[in-house]
Amino acid sequence: MAGYAIRDQDLGGRRFKLAGEMHAGGDLELIVEQGGCVGVATGAKIPAGANLVIPVENTEKIGDDVIVYEPGKESHISEMGGCSFTGSGCARACRCLLAR
């Protein structure tokens, strides 16, 4: 897992109940509810209800609970197909990318 998807409004608490895991390319539909979290791999869809991913290195998993030690200030969520930051050079505008 790359991290845990949560709702930022739940950051008042530091212990979250793990509802499952989502992997890249998976079609599992999970929802992050109040006080809950979902483990997400890099490239996985972000589950409904979540708007923040806490990197796994800032957490500890104890059974079905996830303890957040350092929430950070970034969402760690990128737009699907998007570059990580403007000017990163991952693709020029109007450039066609083909699989090889």
Protein backbone atom coordinates (compact mmCIF):
# COMPACT_ATOMS: atom_id res chain seq x y z
CA MET A 1 0.00 0.00 0.00
CA ALA A 2 1.13 3.51 -0.81
CA GLY A 3 -1.13 5.04 1.82
CA TYR A 4 -4.55 5.30 3.38
CA ALA A 5 -7.43 7.30 1.91
CA ILE A 6 -9.41 9.24 4.49
CA ARG A 7 -11.77 12.21 4.81
CA ASP A 8 -9.84 15.33 5.82
CA GLN A 9 -12.66 16.39 8.16
CA ASP A 10 -11.85 13.29 10.28
CA LEU A 11 -8.27 14.41 11.03
CA GLY A 12 -9.30 15.53 14.51
CA GLY A 13 -8.83 11.89 15.42
CA ARG A 14 -5.70 9.86 14.71
CA ARG A 15 -7.13 6.31 14.71
CA PHE A 16 -9.06 5.08 11.67
CA LYS A 17 -10.91 1.80 11.05
CA LEU A 18 -9.59 0.03 7.91
CA ALA A 19 -12.47 -0.84 5.53
CA GLY A 20 -10.41 -2.58 2.84
CA GLU A 21 -7.76 -2.06 0.16
CA MET A 22 -7.86 -0.81 -3.42
CA HIS A 23 -5.22 -1.79 -5.98
CA ALA A 24 -4.27 -0.27 -9.35
CA GLY A 25 -6.56 -1.61 -12.05
CA GLY A 26 -8.97 -3.04 -9.51
CA ASP A 27 -12.72 -2.58 -9.82
CA LEU A 28 -13.58 -2.81 -6.13
CA GLU A 29 -15.98 -0.04 -5.03
CA LEU A 30 -15.36 1.06 -1.44
CA ILE A 31 -16.61 4.10 0.45
CA VAL A 32 -14.69 5.94 3.16
CA GLU A 33 -17.10 6.68 5.97
CA GLN A 34 -16.63 8.83 9.08
CA GLY A 35 -13.66 7.57 11.09
CA GLY A 36 -12.72 5.04 8.44
CA CYS A 37 -9.96 4.61 5.89
CA VAL A 38 -9.13 2.50 2.83
CA GLY A 39 -5.63 1.34 1.89
CA VAL A 40 -4.71 2.52 -1.62
CA ALA A 41 -1.89 1.44 -3.89
CA THR A 42 -0.16 3.84 -6.26
CA GLY A 43 -2.38 4.13 -9.34
CA ALA A 44 -5.54 2.90 -7.59
CA LYS A 45 -8.83 4.79 -7.79
CA ILE A 46 -9.52 6.93 -4.76
CA PRO A 47 -12.56 5.54 -2.93
CA ALA A 48 -15.75 7.58 -2.69
CA GLY A 49 -15.82 9.93 0.28
CA ALA A 50 -12.02 10.31 0.54
CA ASN A 51 -10.19 13.52 -0.30
CA LEU A 52 -6.81 12.89 1.33
CA VAL A 53 -4.22 10.10 1.27
CA ILE A 54 -1.84 9.69 4.19
CA PRO A 55 1.45 8.05 3.04
CA VAL A 56 1.97 4.66 4.67
CA GLU A 57 5.28 5.80 6.18
CA ASN A 58 3.32 8.31 8.30
CA THR A 59 1.10 5.60 9.77
CA GLU A 60 1.08 2.36 11.72
CA LYS A 61 -1.37 -0.49 11.11
CA ILE A 62 -2.50 -2.34 14.23
CA GLY A 63 -5.01 -5.05 13.38
CA ASP A 64 -7.88 -3.33 11.54
CA ASP A 65 -6.90 0.10 12.87
CA VAL A 66 -4.58 2.64 11.24
CA ILE A 67 -2.85 5.19 13.46
CA VAL A 68 -1.86 8.45 11.73
CA TYR A 69 1.29 10.03 13.17
CA GLU A 70 1.93 12.77 10.61
CA PRO A 71 -1.02 13.82 8.40
CA GLY A 72 1.02 16.29 6.31
CA LYS A 73 -0.35 19.21 4.30
CA GLU A 74 -0.72 17.65 0.82
CA SER A 75 -3.63 15.57 -0.45
CA HIS A 76 -1.32 13.11 -2.29
CA ILE A 77 -4.04 12.68 -4.94
CA SER A 78 -3.30 13.33 -8.61
CA GLU A 79 -5.83 13.73 -11.41
CA MET A 80 -6.20 10.60 -13.53
CA GLY A 81 -3.77 10.88 -16.45
CA GLY A 82 -2.32 14.09 -15.07
CA CYS A 83 1.27 15.16 -14.58
CA SER A 84 2.52 15.38 -11.04
CA PHE A 85 3.17 19.12 -11.39
CA THR A 86 2.97 21.80 -14.07
CA GLY A 87 6.09 21.96 -16.21
CA SER A 88 7.21 18.45 -15.25
CA GLY A 89 7.69 17.63 -18.92
CA CYS A 90 5.74 14.39 -18.77
CA ALA A 91 3.97 15.34 -22.03
CA ARG A 92 3.66 18.34 -24.30
CA ALA A 93 0.26 19.75 -25.19
CA CYS A 94 -1.39 18.18 -28.26
CA ARG A 95 1.09 15.30 -28.20
CA CYS A 96 -0.24 11.84 -29.07
CA LEU A 97 1.10 9.02 -26.86
CA LEU A 98 1.05 5.47 -28.18
CA ALA A 99 1.64 2.19 -26.34
CA ARG A 100 4.61 0.12 -27.51
